Amino acid sequence: MSITDPIADYLTCIRNAVRAHRKYVDIPESKLKREITRTLFKERFIQKYIRIRDNKQGILRIYLAYTPEGSSVIDDIQRVSTPGRRVYYGAREIPRVLNGLGIIIMTTPQGVITDREARTLNVGGEPLAKVW
């Protein structure tokens, strides 16, 4: 079985691990997945991540973040732009997720950044995922 949308598979692995209350999840590494993971870490949606070297492409081990009460920091994570339906936002068209409580992870000419950073830098781009 070939994966036609590796980003959707990445998000699904995280969503399933959160729902199963796993401590961490292992995901095959790519440069884009590493940048999305870095953004999730910077925004404190995950606790930490490490890169595990193997003789193939490598593995990202993502440690999920939970509150002291035991609920996950990530309530939901959704794919926005897909290979079959590309979506692009201009700098002034970027919507807010839950009135600013969530983020949109975007790929822009400045790299992979959040919607807040894109508004600050006044750049548009392709929204990859919504996280809240």
C-alpha atoms as a PDB file:
ATOM      1  CA  MET A   1       0.000   0.000   0.000  1.00  0.00           C
ATOM      2  CA  SER A   2       1.474   3.325  -1.017  1.00  0.00           C
ATOM      3  CA  ILE A   3       0.908   6.502   0.939  1.00  0.00           C
ATOM      4  CA  THR A   4      -0.360   9.268  -1.314  1.00  0.00           C
ATOM      5  CA  ASP A   5      -0.493  11.919   1.403  1.00  0.00           C
ATOM      6  CA  PRO A   6       2.303  11.473   3.963  1.00  0.00           C
ATOM      7  CA  ILE A   7       1.273  14.607   5.904  1.00  0.00           C
ATOM      8  CA  ALA A   8      -2.268  13.262   6.417  1.00  0.00           C
ATOM      9  CA  ASP A   9      -0.736   9.957   7.583  1.00  0.00           C
ATOM     10  CA  TYR A  10       1.529  11.879   9.997  1.00  0.00           C
ATOM     11  CA  LEU A  11      -1.426  13.798  11.448  1.00  0.00           C
ATOM     12  CA  THR A  12      -3.503  10.613  11.746  1.00  0.00           C
ATOM     13  CA  CYS A  13      -0.704   8.871  13.675  1.00  0.00           C
ATOM     14  CA  ILE A  14      -0.585  11.770  16.146  1.00  0.00           C
ATOM     15  CA  ARG A  15      -4.406  11.915  16.428  1.00  0.00           C
ATOM     16  CA  ASN A  16      -4.645   8.156  17.068  1.00  0.00           C
ATOM     17  CA  ALA A  17      -1.833   8.227  19.656  1.00  0.00           C
ATOM     18  CA  VAL A  18      -3.533  11.106  21.500  1.00  0.00           C
ATOM     19  CA  ARG A  19      -6.855   9.266  21.576  1.00  0.00           C
ATOM     20  CA  ALA A  20      -5.139   6.106  22.853  1.00  0.00           C
ATOM     21  CA  HIS A  21      -3.291   8.176  25.538  1.00  0.00           C
ATOM     22  CA  ARG A  22       0.121   7.003  24.323  1.00  0.00           C
ATOM     23  CA  LYS A  23       3.271   8.521  25.765  1.00  0.00           C
ATOM     24  CA  TYR A  24       4.933   8.802  22.352  1.00  0.00           C
ATOM     25  CA  VAL A  25       4.483   7.933  18.692  1.00  0.00           C
ATOM     26  CA  ASP A  26       7.097   6.918  16.087  1.00  0.00           C
ATOM     27  CA  ILE A  27       6.710   8.369  12.595  1.00  0.00           C
ATOM     28  CA  PRO A  28       8.915   7.978   9.482  1.00  0.00           C
ATOM     29  CA  GLU A  29      10.966  11.143   9.088  1.00  0.00           C
ATOM     30  CA  SER A  30      11.026  13.682   6.278  1.00  0.00           C
ATOM     31  CA  LYS A  31      12.157  17.292   6.190  1.00  0.00           C
ATOM     32  CA  LEU A  32       8.567  18.634   6.096  1.00  0.00           C
ATOM     33  CA  LYS A  33       7.423  16.355   8.955  1.00  0.00           C
ATOM     34  CA  ARG A  34      10.436  17.470  10.991  1.00  0.00           C
ATOM     35  CA  GLU A  35       9.520  21.146  10.431  1.00  0.00           C
ATOM     36  CA  ILE A  36       5.862  20.534  11.375  1.00  0.00           C
ATOM     37  CA  THR A  37       7.047  18.712  14.518  1.00  0.00           C
ATOM     38  CA  ARG A  38       9.383  21.613  15.358  1.00  0.00           C
ATOM     39  CA  THR A  39       6.417  24.000  15.065  1.00  0.00           C
ATOM     40  CA  LEU A  40       4.236  21.796  17.299  1.00  0.00           C
ATOM     41  CA  PHE A  41       7.054  21.729  19.871  1.00  0.00           C
ATOM     42  CA  LYS A  42       7.562  25.493  19.700  1.00  0.00           C
ATOM     43  CA  GLU A  43       3.824  26.052  20.278  1.00  0.00           C
ATOM     44  CA  ARG A  44       3.878  23.515  23.179  1.00  0.00           C
ATOM     45  CA  PHE A  45       1.450  21.036  21.628  1.00  0.00           C
ATOM     46  CA  ILE A  46       4.027  18.264  22.150  1.00  0.00           C
ATOM     47  CA  GLN A  47       6.449  17.696  25.009  1.00  0.00           C
ATOM     48  CA  LYS A  48       9.587  16.914  22.995  1.00  0.00           C
ATOM     49  CA  TYR A  49      10.800  15.008  19.960  1.00  0.00           C
ATOM     50  CA  ILE A  50      13.926  13.109  19.032  1.00  0.00           C
ATOM     51  CA  ARG A  51      15.349  11.863  15.765  1.00  0.00           C
ATOM     52  CA  ILE A  52      16.248   8.186  15.652  1.00  0.00           C
ATOM     53  CA  ARG A  53      18.760   7.191  13.002  1.00  0.00           C
ATOM     54  CA  ASP A  54      18.306   3.934  11.129  1.00  0.00           C
ATOM     55  CA  ASN A  55      19.634   2.682   7.823  1.00  0.00           C
ATOM     56  CA  LYS A  56      16.603   4.088   6.017  1.00  0.00           C
ATOM     57  CA  GLN A  57      15.014   7.532   6.194  1.00  0.00           C
ATOM     58  CA  GLY A  58      15.026   7.892   9.985  1.00  0.00           C
ATOM     59  CA  ILE A  59      12.268   8.032  12.589  1.00  0.00           C
ATOM     60  CA  LEU A  60      10.783  10.917  14.541  1.00  0.00           C
ATOM     61  CA  ARG A  61       9.777   9.945  18.077  1.00  0.00           C
ATOM     62  CA  ILE A  62       7.216  12.493  19.248  1.00  0.00           C
ATOM     63  CA  TYR A  63       6.437  12.654  22.977  1.00  0.00           C
ATOM     64  CA  LEU A  64       2.877  13.879  23.430  1.00  0.00           C
ATOM     65  CA  ALA A  65       1.971  16.534  26.002  1.00  0.00           C
ATOM     66  CA  TYR A  66      -0.726  16.019  28.623  1.00  0.00           C
ATOM     67  CA  THR A  67      -2.124  18.263  31.331  1.00  0.00           C
ATOM     68  CA  PRO A  68      -1.703  17.350  35.043  1.00  0.00           C
ATOM     69  CA  GLU A  69      -5.324  16.097  34.967  1.00  0.00           C
ATOM     70  CA  GLY A  70      -4.379  13.633  32.213  1.00  0.00           C
ATOM     71  CA  SER A  71      -6.129  15.199  29.221  1.00  0.00           C
ATOM     72  CA  SER A  72      -4.197  15.809  26.026  1.00  0.00           C
ATOM     73  CA  VAL A  73      -2.977  19.260  25.041  1.00  0.00           C
ATOM     74  CA  ILE A  74      -4.040  18.461  21.451  1.00  0.00           C
ATOM     75  CA  ASP A  75      -7.841  18.328  21.252  1.00  0.00           C
ATOM     76  CA  ASP A  76      -7.870  17.797  17.485  1.00  0.00           C
ATOM     77  CA  ILE A  77      -5.565  18.041  14.504  1.00  0.00           C
ATOM     78  CA  GLN A  78      -6.937  18.296  10.949  1.00  0.00           C
ATOM     79  CA  ARG A  79      -5.491  18.436   7.447  1.00  0.00           C
ATOM     80  CA  VAL A  80      -6.469  21.568   5.484  1.00  0.00           C
ATOM     81  CA  SER A  81      -4.816  21.480   2.053  1.00  0.00           C
ATOM     82  CA  THR A  82      -4.612  18.050   0.408  1.00  0.00           C
ATOM     83  CA  PRO A  83      -2.925  16.855  -2.801  1.00  0.00           C
ATOM     84  CA  GLY A  84      -6.371  16.624  -4.428  1.00  0.00           C
ATOM     85  CA  ARG A  85      -7.605  20.004  -3.173  1.00  0.00           C
ATOM     86  CA  ARG A  86      -4.908  22.591  -2.693  1.00  0.00           C
ATOM     87  CA  VAL A  87      -5.804  25.628  -0.589  1.00  0.00           C
ATOM     88  CA  TYR A  88      -3.824  28.873  -0.412  1.00  0.00           C
ATOM     89  CA  TYR A  89      -4.327  31.907   1.815  1.00  0.00           C
ATOM     90  CA  GLY A  90      -3.128  35.411   1.158  1.00  0.00           C
ATOM     91  CA  ALA A  91      -1.597  37.319   4.066  1.00  0.00           C
ATOM     92  CA  ARG A  92      -4.913  39.075   4.813  1.00  0.00           C
ATOM     93  CA  GLU A  93      -7.113  35.977   4.278  1.00  0.00           C
ATOM     94  CA  ILE A  94      -5.654  33.738   7.007  1.00  0.00           C
ATOM     95  CA  PRO A  95      -8.492  32.709   9.362  1.00  0.00           C
ATOM     96  CA  ARG A  96      -8.155  32.308  13.132  1.00  0.00           C
ATOM     97  CA  VAL A  97      -8.669  28.902  14.752  1.00  0.00           C
ATOM     98  CA  LEU A  98     -11.042  29.039  17.751  1.00  0.00           C
ATOM     99  CA  ASN A  99     -10.520  32.790  18.103  1.00  0.00           C
ATOM    100  CA  GLY A 100      -6.748  32.368  18.411  1.00  0.00           C
ATOM    101  CA  LEU A 101      -6.710  29.378  20.798  1.00  0.00           C
ATOM    102  CA  GLY A 102      -5.525  27.052  18.037  1.00  0.00           C
ATOM    103  CA  ILE A 103      -3.006  27.423  15.236  1.00  0.00           C
ATOM    104  CA  ILE A 104      -2.736  26.815  11.526  1.00  0.00           C
ATOM    105  CA  ILE A 105       0.587  25.348  10.436  1.00  0.00           C
ATOM    106  CA  MET A 106       1.466  26.878   7.068  1.00  0.00           C
ATOM    107  CA  THR A 107       4.181  26.440   4.508  1.00  0.00           C
ATOM    108  CA  THR A 108       5.261  29.829   3.160  1.00  0.00           C
ATOM    109  CA  PRO A 109       8.236  31.339   1.339  1.00  0.00           C
ATOM    110  CA  GLN A 110       9.677  31.944   4.861  1.00  0.00           C
ATOM    111  CA  GLY A 111       9.401  28.213   5.722  1.00  0.00           C
ATOM    112  CA  VAL A 112       6.964  26.270   7.898  1.00  0.00           C
ATOM    113  CA  ILE A 113       5.402  28.757  10.338  1.00  0.00           C
ATOM    114  CA  THR A 114       2.180  29.344  12.276  1.00  0.00           C
ATOM    115  CA  ASP A 115      -0.673  31.577  11.187  1.00  0.00           C
ATOM    116  CA  ARG A 116       0.329  34.202  13.773  1.00  0.00           C
ATOM    117  CA  GLU A 117       3.864  34.384  12.412  1.00  0.00           C
ATOM    118  CA  ALA A 118       2.512  34.583   8.848  1.00  0.00           C
ATOM    119  CA  ARG A 119       0.310  37.555   9.780  1.00  0.00           C
ATOM    120  CA  THR A 120       3.268  39.247  11.502  1.00  0.00           C
ATOM    121  CA  LEU A 121       5.540  38.677   8.492  1.00  0.00           C
ATOM    122  CA  ASN A 122       2.678  39.599   6.117  1.00  0.00           C
ATOM    123  CA  VAL A 123       3.089  36.439   3.998  1.00  0.00           C
ATOM    124  CA  GLY A 124       0.549  33.967   2.688  1.00  0.00           C
ATOM    125  CA  GLY A 125       0.952  30.312   1.856  1.00  0.00           C
ATOM    126  CA  GLU A 126      -0.505  26.840   1.936  1.00  0.00           C
ATOM    127  CA  PRO A 127      -2.178  25.776   5.194  1.00  0.00           C
ATOM    128  CA  LEU A 128      -1.099  22.252   6.081  1.00  0.00           C
ATOM    129  CA  ALA A 129      -3.002  21.596   9.316  1.00  0.00           C
ATOM    130  CA  LYS A 130      -5.203  23.103  12.013  1.00  0.00           C
ATOM    131  CA  VAL A 131      -4.336  22.239  15.606  1.00  0.00           C
ATOM    132  CA  TRP A 132      -6.286  23.041  18.748  1.00  0.00           C
END
